[in-house]
């Protein structure tokens, strides 16, 4: 049975553990996802230890599910392993650059989504933490990630202890373009976003944030220009330290 149409983000988990055999099987199955050049440019750090989860939680604004979930997975864009392989096989790697990061990050995110789909088919619940790229240096230090390894996604994983409602989605016409990109006129924006804006939960967000529109909740409260610029600067600096935006040649 395909659960994609009823998938939910799960933030509350039962205390039951996830067997190593099940987790290993899901990780192995997810590795069949698409990958650039069949290089599998990702690594996954599995965290079960309570103290390690507490340290990781700091990088995720101390969200409760990080410490409460039985398992936390940190998925990394990884060109370290491929680089080491090349060096040991008389090949000259050149992967300390931004393009290589993008390729590895794409591999890692494809793996992440495939894993989530497989995990949910098994009845597990998960939450994708976009905060992974907000304070990546904390994650790097905690997990001792070497050069050419960069965290790009975090998944909290466990058996669901909640059944939240489905979240809304924009209609197909909002994001599918045929042959060429079709621009968004004011009338089209009104049509595509009207249902989303009229939902009671979204109107509630507007009221409690003392805003006029739902869009203002995102621009003024949730994802502000100031925060985006500050975290972008931090992300770029971390990419330099990890060797993907090198100031000098790295291997």
C-alpha atoms as a PDB file:
ATOM      1  CA  UNK A   1       0.000   0.000   0.000  1.00  0.00           C
ATOM      2  CA  UNK A   2       1.281   3.438  -0.967  1.00  0.00           C
ATOM      3  CA  UNK A   3       1.096   5.827   2.008  1.00  0.00           C
ATOM      4  CA  UNK A   4       2.376   8.930   0.234  1.00  0.00           C
ATOM      5  CA  UNK A   5      -1.058  10.554   0.006  1.00  0.00           C
ATOM      6  CA  UNK A   6      -1.561  10.260   3.754  1.00  0.00           C
ATOM      7  CA  UNK A   7       2.006  10.920   4.960  1.00  0.00           C
ATOM      8  CA  UNK A   8       2.399  13.051   8.058  1.00  0.00           C
ATOM      9  CA  UNK A   9       5.341  14.626   9.807  1.00  0.00           C
ATOM     10  CA  UNK A  10       5.740  12.879  13.163  1.00  0.00           C
ATOM     11  CA  UNK A  11       7.284  14.772  16.075  1.00  0.00           C
ATOM     12  CA  UNK A  12       6.142  12.570  18.975  1.00  0.00           C
ATOM     13  CA  UNK A  13       7.400   9.007  19.313  1.00  0.00           C
ATOM     14  CA  UNK A  14       6.802   5.964  21.464  1.00  0.00           C
ATOM     15  CA  UNK A  15       9.679   4.798  23.641  1.00  0.00           C
ATOM     16  CA  UNK A  16       9.946   1.519  21.688  1.00  0.00           C
ATOM     17  CA  UNK A  17      13.333   1.108  20.046  1.00  0.00           C
ATOM     18  CA  UNK A  18      13.967   0.468  16.373  1.00  0.00           C
ATOM     19  CA  UNK A  19      15.711  -2.900  15.821  1.00  0.00           C
ATOM     20  CA  UNK A  20      19.135  -2.689  14.216  1.00  0.00           C
ATOM     21  CA  UNK A  21      18.053  -5.264  11.649  1.00  0.00           C
ATOM     22  CA  UNK A  22      15.137  -3.096  10.493  1.00  0.00           C
ATOM     23  CA  UNK A  23      17.170   0.088  10.388  1.00  0.00           C
ATOM     24  CA  UNK A  24      20.013  -1.583   8.485  1.00  0.00           C
ATOM     25  CA  UNK A  25      17.579  -3.034   5.965  1.00  0.00           C
ATOM     26  CA  UNK A  26      15.961   0.351   5.327  1.00  0.00           C
ATOM     27  CA  UNK A  27      19.339   2.077   4.953  1.00  0.00           C
ATOM     28  CA  UNK A  28      20.472  -0.593   2.527  1.00  0.00           C
ATOM     29  CA  UNK A  29      17.273  -0.409   0.485  1.00  0.00           C
ATOM     30  CA  UNK A  30      17.489   3.389   0.335  1.00  0.00           C
ATOM     31  CA  UNK A  31      20.957   3.093  -1.182  1.00  0.00           C
ATOM     32  CA  UNK A  32      19.286   1.876  -4.384  1.00  0.00           C
ATOM     33  CA  UNK A  33      18.142   5.429  -5.050  1.00  0.00           C
ATOM     34  CA  UNK A  34      19.617   7.517  -7.877  1.00  0.00           C
ATOM     35  CA  UNK A  35      23.199   8.691  -7.430  1.00  0.00           C
ATOM     36  CA  UNK A  36      25.625  10.700  -9.559  1.00  0.00           C
ATOM     37  CA  UNK A  37      28.099   8.468 -11.379  1.00  0.00           C
ATOM     38  CA  UNK A  38      27.104   5.596  -9.072  1.00  0.00           C
ATOM     39  CA  UNK A  39      29.430   7.134  -6.463  1.00  0.00           C
ATOM     40  CA  UNK A  40      26.922   7.364  -3.578  1.00  0.00           C
ATOM     41  CA  UNK A  41      28.196  10.733  -2.409  1.00  0.00           C
ATOM     42  CA  UNK A  42      26.652  10.562   1.053  1.00  0.00           C
ATOM     43  CA  UNK A  43      27.211   9.193   4.525  1.00  0.00           C
ATOM     44  CA  UNK A  44      24.701   8.620   7.315  1.00  0.00           C
ATOM     45  CA  UNK A  45      25.551   9.042  10.995  1.00  0.00           C
ATOM     46  CA  UNK A  46      23.184   7.037  13.231  1.00  0.00           C
ATOM     47  CA  UNK A  47      22.707   8.515  16.699  1.00  0.00           C
ATOM     48  CA  UNK A  48      21.055   6.507  19.483  1.00  0.00           C
ATOM     49  CA  UNK A  49      23.040   7.679  22.513  1.00  0.00           C
ATOM     50  CA  UNK A  50      21.060  10.102  24.694  1.00  0.00           C
ATOM     51  CA  UNK A  51      24.002  12.422  25.359  1.00  0.00           C
ATOM     52  CA  UNK A  52      24.893  12.605  21.688  1.00  0.00           C
ATOM     53  CA  UNK A  53      21.291  13.443  20.851  1.00  0.00           C
ATOM     54  CA  UNK A  54      21.354  16.186  23.465  1.00  0.00           C
ATOM     55  CA  UNK A  55      24.448  17.691  21.856  1.00  0.00           C
ATOM     56  CA  UNK A  56      22.875  17.521  18.409  1.00  0.00           C
ATOM     57  CA  UNK A  57      19.683  19.134  19.687  1.00  0.00           C
ATOM     58  CA  UNK A  58      21.582  22.385  20.275  1.00  0.00           C
ATOM     59  CA  UNK A  59      22.063  22.709  16.500  1.00  0.00           C
ATOM     60  CA  UNK A  60      18.317  22.206  15.984  1.00  0.00           C
ATOM     61  CA  UNK A  61      17.131  24.905  18.394  1.00  0.00           C
ATOM     62  CA  UNK A  62      16.564  22.222  21.050  1.00  0.00           C
ATOM     63  CA  UNK A  63      13.487  20.836  19.359  1.00  0.00           C
ATOM     64  CA  UNK A  64      12.113  18.095  21.582  1.00  0.00           C
ATOM     65  CA  UNK A  65      11.918  15.350  18.986  1.00  0.00           C
ATOM     66  CA  UNK A  66      15.711  15.317  18.603  1.00  0.00           C
ATOM     67  CA  UNK A  67      16.204  13.990  22.138  1.00  0.00           C
ATOM     68  CA  UNK A  68      12.933  12.044  22.330  1.00  0.00           C
ATOM     69  CA  UNK A  69      13.197  10.051  19.092  1.00  0.00           C
ATOM     70  CA  UNK A  70      14.811   6.603  19.444  1.00  0.00           C
ATOM     71  CA  UNK A  71      17.061   7.320  16.447  1.00  0.00           C
ATOM     72  CA  UNK A  72      18.436  10.464  14.842  1.00  0.00           C
ATOM     73  CA  UNK A  73      19.965  10.214  11.378  1.00  0.00           C
ATOM     74  CA  UNK A  74      22.311  12.896  10.082  1.00  0.00           C
ATOM     75  CA  UNK A  75      22.750  12.597   6.327  1.00  0.00           C
ATOM     76  CA  UNK A  76      25.892  14.203   4.956  1.00  0.00           C
ATOM     77  CA  UNK A  77      27.148  15.223   1.553  1.00  0.00           C
ATOM     78  CA  UNK A  78      30.361  13.206   1.474  1.00  0.00           C
ATOM     79  CA  UNK A  79      33.215  13.543  -1.006  1.00  0.00           C
ATOM     80  CA  UNK A  80      35.778  12.460   1.609  1.00  0.00           C
ATOM     81  CA  UNK A  81      35.336   8.738   0.999  1.00  0.00           C
ATOM     82  CA  UNK A  82      35.484   9.103  -2.795  1.00  0.00           C
ATOM     83  CA  UNK A  83      38.535  11.363  -2.524  1.00  0.00           C
ATOM     84  CA  UNK A  84      40.344   8.867  -0.286  1.00  0.00           C
ATOM     85  CA  UNK A  85      39.499   6.072  -2.707  1.00  0.00           C
ATOM     86  CA  UNK A  86      40.922   8.078  -5.612  1.00  0.00           C
ATOM     87  CA  UNK A  87      44.114   8.898  -3.718  1.00  0.00           C
ATOM     88  CA  UNK A  88      44.671   5.228  -2.923  1.00  0.00           C
ATOM     89  CA  UNK A  89      44.131   4.244  -6.558  1.00  0.00           C
ATOM     90  CA  UNK A  90      46.642   6.606  -8.180  1.00  0.00           C
ATOM     91  CA  UNK A  91      43.890   8.996  -9.292  1.00  0.00           C
ATOM     92  CA  UNK A  92      43.986  12.769  -8.851  1.00  0.00           C
ATOM     93  CA  UNK A  93      40.712  13.965  -7.233  1.00  0.00           C
ATOM     94  CA  UNK A  94      39.446  17.498  -7.691  1.00  0.00           C
ATOM     95  CA  UNK A  95      36.386  17.666  -5.477  1.00  0.00           C
ATOM     96  CA  UNK A  96      37.139  20.596  -3.172  1.00  0.00           C
ATOM     97  CA  UNK A  97      34.709  22.920  -4.937  1.00  0.00           C
ATOM     98  CA  UNK A  98      31.125  24.103  -4.847  1.00  0.00           C
ATOM     99  CA  UNK A  99      29.942  21.958  -7.773  1.00  0.00           C
ATOM    100  CA  UNK A 100      31.101  18.859  -5.942  1.00  0.00           C
ATOM    101  CA  UNK A 101      29.175  19.953  -2.859  1.00  0.00           C
ATOM    102  CA  UNK A 102      26.010  20.420  -4.931  1.00  0.00           C
ATOM    103  CA  UNK A 103      26.435  16.974  -6.479  1.00  0.00           C
ATOM    104  CA  UNK A 104      27.012  15.342  -3.101  1.00  0.00           C
ATOM    105  CA  UNK A 105      24.162  17.276  -1.482  1.00  0.00           C
ATOM    106  CA  UNK A 106      21.809  16.155  -4.264  1.00  0.00           C
ATOM    107  CA  UNK A 107      22.850  12.538  -3.711  1.00  0.00           C
ATOM    108  CA  UNK A 108      22.333  12.901   0.035  1.00  0.00           C
ATOM    109  CA  UNK A 109      18.878  14.444  -0.300  1.00  0.00           C
ATOM    110  CA  UNK A 110      17.734  11.836  -2.802  1.00  0.00           C
ATOM    111  CA  UNK A 111      18.842   9.149  -0.347  1.00  0.00           C
ATOM    112  CA  UNK A 112      17.058  10.946   2.498  1.00  0.00           C
ATOM    113  CA  UNK A 113      13.712  11.097   0.721  1.00  0.00           C
ATOM    114  CA  UNK A 114      13.916   7.486  -0.408  1.00  0.00           C
ATOM    115  CA  UNK A 115      14.719   6.408   3.142  1.00  0.00           C
ATOM    116  CA  UNK A 116      11.748   8.360   4.535  1.00  0.00           C
ATOM    117  CA  UNK A 117       9.376   6.748   2.037  1.00  0.00           C
ATOM    118  CA  UNK A 118      10.638   3.274   2.933  1.00  0.00           C
ATOM    119  CA  UNK A 119      10.516   3.950   6.683  1.00  0.00           C
ATOM    120  CA  UNK A 120       6.938   5.192   6.512  1.00  0.00           C
ATOM    121  CA  UNK A 121       5.904   2.083   4.574  1.00  0.00           C
ATOM    122  CA  UNK A 122       7.150   0.093   7.594  1.00  0.00           C
ATOM    123  CA  UNK A 123       4.938   2.124   9.931  1.00  0.00           C
ATOM    124  CA  UNK A 124       7.730   4.338  11.267  1.00  0.00           C
ATOM    125  CA  UNK A 125       7.314   8.071  11.620  1.00  0.00           C
ATOM    126  CA  UNK A 126       9.892  10.694  10.799  1.00  0.00           C
ATOM    127  CA  UNK A 127      10.509  14.411  10.814  1.00  0.00           C
ATOM    128  CA  UNK A 128      12.835  16.151   8.365  1.00  0.00           C
ATOM    129  CA  UNK A 129      14.800  18.884  10.117  1.00  0.00           C
ATOM    130  CA  UNK A 130      15.617  21.792   7.818  1.00  0.00           C
ATOM    131  CA  UNK A 131      17.609  23.290  10.683  1.00  0.00           C
ATOM    132  CA  UNK A 132      20.566  21.077   9.713  1.00  0.00           C
ATOM    133  CA  UNK A 133      22.038  23.820   7.515  1.00  0.00           C
ATOM    134  CA  UNK A 134      21.313  26.636   9.992  1.00  0.00           C
ATOM    135  CA  UNK A 135      24.133  25.834  12.430  1.00  0.00           C
ATOM    136  CA  UNK A 136      26.110  23.122  10.657  1.00  0.00           C
ATOM    137  CA  UNK A 137      29.356  23.719  12.555  1.00  0.00           C
ATOM    138  CA  UNK A 138      27.811  22.434  15.777  1.00  0.00           C
ATOM    139  CA  UNK A 139      26.843  19.215  14.001  1.00  0.00           C
ATOM    140  CA  UNK A 140      30.280  18.937  12.391  1.00  0.00           C
ATOM    141  CA  UNK A 141      32.003  19.297  15.755  1.00  0.00           C
ATOM    142  CA  UNK A 142      29.664  16.873  17.519  1.00  0.00           C
ATOM    143  CA  UNK A 143      29.920  14.169  14.862  1.00  0.00           C
ATOM    144  CA  UNK A 144      33.609  14.846  14.109  1.00  0.00           C
ATOM    145  CA  UNK A 145      33.008  15.268  10.392  1.00  0.00           C
ATOM    146  CA  UNK A 146      36.226  15.602   8.370  1.00  0.00           C
ATOM    147  CA  UNK A 147      36.991  17.805   5.366  1.00  0.00           C
ATOM    148  CA  UNK A 148      34.693  17.298   2.367  1.00  0.00           C
ATOM    149  CA  UNK A 149      31.848  16.071   4.577  1.00  0.00           C
ATOM    150  CA  UNK A 150      28.921  18.435   5.175  1.00  0.00           C
ATOM    151  CA  UNK A 151      25.631  17.744   7.006  1.00  0.00           C
ATOM    152  CA  UNK A 152      22.642  18.517   4.788  1.00  0.00           C
ATOM    153  CA  UNK A 153      19.676  16.722   6.381  1.00  0.00           C
ATOM    154  CA  UNK A 154      18.566  15.302   9.715  1.00  0.00           C
ATOM    155  CA  UNK A 155      15.780  12.793  10.282  1.00  0.00           C
ATOM    156  CA  UNK A 156      14.239  11.977  13.653  1.00  0.00           C
ATOM    157  CA  UNK A 157      12.858   8.459  13.511  1.00  0.00           C
ATOM    158  CA  UNK A 158      10.586   6.335  15.677  1.00  0.00           C
ATOM    159  CA  UNK A 159       7.241   4.652  16.101  1.00  0.00           C
ATOM    160  CA  UNK A 160       4.512   7.352  15.955  1.00  0.00           C
ATOM    161  CA  UNK A 161       2.839   8.450  19.158  1.00  0.00           C
ATOM    162  CA  UNK A 162       0.551  10.947  17.426  1.00  0.00           C
ATOM    163  CA  UNK A 163      -1.666  11.196  14.364  1.00  0.00           C
ATOM    164  CA  UNK A 164      -1.540  14.830  13.265  1.00  0.00           C
ATOM    165  CA  UNK A 165      -3.807  16.130  10.492  1.00  0.00           C
ATOM    166  CA  UNK A 166      -2.571  16.272   6.928  1.00  0.00           C
ATOM    167  CA  UNK A 167      -0.939  19.548   5.994  1.00  0.00           C
ATOM    168  CA  UNK A 168      -2.165  21.504   3.006  1.00  0.00           C
ATOM    169  CA  UNK A 169      -0.504  21.451  -0.409  1.00  0.00           C
ATOM    170  CA  UNK A 170      -0.713  23.824  -3.350  1.00  0.00           C
ATOM    171  CA  UNK A 171      -2.591  22.577  -6.437  1.00  0.00           C
ATOM    172  CA  UNK A 172      -0.696  20.976  -9.304  1.00  0.00           C
ATOM    173  CA  UNK A 173      -1.032  24.098 -11.458  1.00  0.00           C
ATOM    174  CA  UNK A 174       1.019  26.026  -8.910  1.00  0.00           C
ATOM    175  CA  UNK A 175       4.250  24.188  -9.616  1.00  0.00           C
ATOM    176  CA  UNK A 176       3.946  22.314 -12.918  1.00  0.00           C
ATOM    177  CA  UNK A 177       4.986  24.213 -16.062  1.00  0.00           C
ATOM    178  CA  UNK A 178       4.577  22.848 -19.587  1.00  0.00           C
ATOM    179  CA  UNK A 179       7.413  23.335 -22.056  1.00  0.00           C
ATOM    180  CA  UNK A 180       8.468  26.715 -20.609  1.00  0.00           C
ATOM    181  CA  UNK A 181       8.112  28.481 -17.265  1.00  0.00           C
ATOM    182  CA  UNK A 182       4.719  30.170 -16.987  1.00  0.00           C
ATOM    183  CA  UNK A 183       4.828  33.366 -14.931  1.00  0.00           C
ATOM    184  CA  UNK A 184       2.533  34.229 -12.036  1.00  0.00           C
ATOM    185  CA  UNK A 185       0.139  37.082 -12.612  1.00  0.00           C
ATOM    186  CA  UNK A 186      -1.632  38.649  -9.614  1.00  0.00           C
ATOM    187  CA  UNK A 187      -4.813  36.868 -10.685  1.00  0.00           C
ATOM    188  CA  UNK A 188      -3.022  33.519 -10.853  1.00  0.00           C
ATOM    189  CA  UNK A 189      -1.449  34.032  -7.435  1.00  0.00           C
ATOM    190  CA  UNK A 190      -4.901  34.782  -5.997  1.00  0.00           C
ATOM    191  CA  UNK A 191      -6.294  31.599  -7.537  1.00  0.00           C
ATOM    192  CA  UNK A 192      -3.412  29.338  -6.489  1.00  0.00           C
ATOM    193  CA  UNK A 193      -3.148  30.554  -2.888  1.00  0.00           C
ATOM    194  CA  UNK A 194      -6.782  31.264  -2.023  1.00  0.00           C
ATOM    195  CA  UNK A 195      -7.522  27.832  -0.560  1.00  0.00           C
ATOM    196  CA  UNK A 196      -4.322  27.839   1.497  1.00  0.00           C
ATOM    197  CA  UNK A 197      -5.000  31.312   2.843  1.00  0.00           C
ATOM    198  CA  UNK A 198      -8.599  30.492   3.773  1.00  0.00           C
ATOM    199  CA  UNK A 199      -7.737  27.479   5.931  1.00  0.00           C
ATOM    200  CA  UNK A 200      -8.616  28.152   9.567  1.00  0.00           C
ATOM    201  CA  UNK A 201      -5.214  27.022  10.863  1.00  0.00           C
ATOM    202  CA  UNK A 202      -3.468  29.456   8.517  1.00  0.00           C
ATOM    203  CA  UNK A 203      -5.781  32.287   9.422  1.00  0.00           C
ATOM    204  CA  UNK A 204      -4.972  31.471  13.044  1.00  0.00           C
ATOM    205  CA  UNK A 205      -1.237  31.882  12.283  1.00  0.00           C
ATOM    206  CA  UNK A 206      -1.988  35.317  10.864  1.00  0.00           C
ATOM    207  CA  UNK A 207      -3.967  36.382  13.935  1.00  0.00           C
ATOM    208  CA  UNK A 208      -1.519  35.167  16.590  1.00  0.00           C
ATOM    209  CA  UNK A 209       1.368  36.857  14.795  1.00  0.00           C
ATOM    210  CA  UNK A 210      -0.548  40.125  14.431  1.00  0.00           C
ATOM    211  CA  UNK A 211      -0.112  40.175  10.656  1.00  0.00           C
ATOM    212  CA  UNK A 212      -2.386  41.113   7.772  1.00  0.00           C
ATOM    213  CA  UNK A 213      -1.537  38.208   5.459  1.00  0.00           C
ATOM    214  CA  UNK A 214      -0.158  34.673   5.639  1.00  0.00           C
ATOM    215  CA  UNK A 215       2.768  35.726   3.463  1.00  0.00           C
ATOM    216  CA  UNK A 216       3.798  38.235   6.139  1.00  0.00           C
ATOM    217  CA  UNK A 217       4.023  35.415   8.689  1.00  0.00           C
ATOM    218  CA  UNK A 218       6.760  33.879   6.559  1.00  0.00           C
ATOM    219  CA  UNK A 219       8.622  37.072   5.647  1.00  0.00           C
ATOM    220  CA  UNK A 220       8.387  38.802   9.031  1.00  0.00           C
ATOM    221  CA  UNK A 221       8.360  35.916  11.525  1.00  0.00           C
ATOM    222  CA  UNK A 222       9.409  32.519  10.251  1.00  0.00           C
ATOM    223  CA  UNK A 223      12.035  33.098   7.550  1.00  0.00           C
ATOM    224  CA  UNK A 224      13.184  36.676   7.808  1.00  0.00           C
ATOM    225  CA  UNK A 225      15.685  38.398   5.542  1.00  0.00           C
ATOM    226  CA  UNK A 226      17.967  39.112   8.504  1.00  0.00           C
ATOM    227  CA  UNK A 227      18.024  35.476   9.635  1.00  0.00           C
ATOM    228  CA  UNK A 228      18.437  34.170   6.092  1.00  0.00           C
ATOM    229  CA  UNK A 229      21.395  36.442   5.406  1.00  0.00           C
ATOM    230  CA  UNK A 230      23.083  35.644   8.718  1.00  0.00           C
ATOM    231  CA  UNK A 231      22.675  31.883   8.303  1.00  0.00           C
ATOM    232  CA  UNK A 232      23.747  32.093   4.660  1.00  0.00           C
ATOM    233  CA  UNK A 233      26.985  33.737   5.759  1.00  0.00           C
ATOM    234  CA  UNK A 234      27.515  31.012   8.348  1.00  0.00           C
ATOM    235  CA  UNK A 235      26.791  28.291   5.807  1.00  0.00           C
ATOM    236  CA  UNK A 236      29.290  29.708   3.326  1.00  0.00           C
ATOM    237  CA  UNK A 237      31.942  29.975   6.022  1.00  0.00           C
ATOM    238  CA  UNK A 238      31.350  26.366   7.038  1.00  0.00           C
ATOM    239  CA  UNK A 239      31.598  25.219   3.431  1.00  0.00           C
ATOM    240  CA  UNK A 240      34.993  26.915   3.290  1.00  0.00           C
ATOM    241  CA  UNK A 241      36.132  25.175   6.475  1.00  0.00           C
ATOM    242  CA  UNK A 242      34.942  21.822   5.147  1.00  0.00           C
ATOM    243  CA  UNK A 243      36.848  22.322   1.896  1.00  0.00           C
ATOM    244  CA  UNK A 244      33.988  22.821  -0.554  1.00  0.00           C
ATOM    245  CA  UNK A 245      34.756  26.518  -1.010  1.00  0.00           C
ATOM    246  CA  UNK A 246      38.512  26.284  -0.508  1.00  0.00           C
ATOM    247  CA  UNK A 247      40.680  29.323  -0.039  1.00  0.00           C
ATOM    248  CA  UNK A 248      43.594  27.054  -0.882  1.00  0.00           C
ATOM    249  CA  UNK A 249      43.880  23.699  -2.543  1.00  0.00           C
ATOM    250  CA  UNK A 250      42.681  20.738  -0.483  1.00  0.00           C
ATOM    251  CA  UNK A 251      42.575  17.019  -1.107  1.00  0.00           C
END
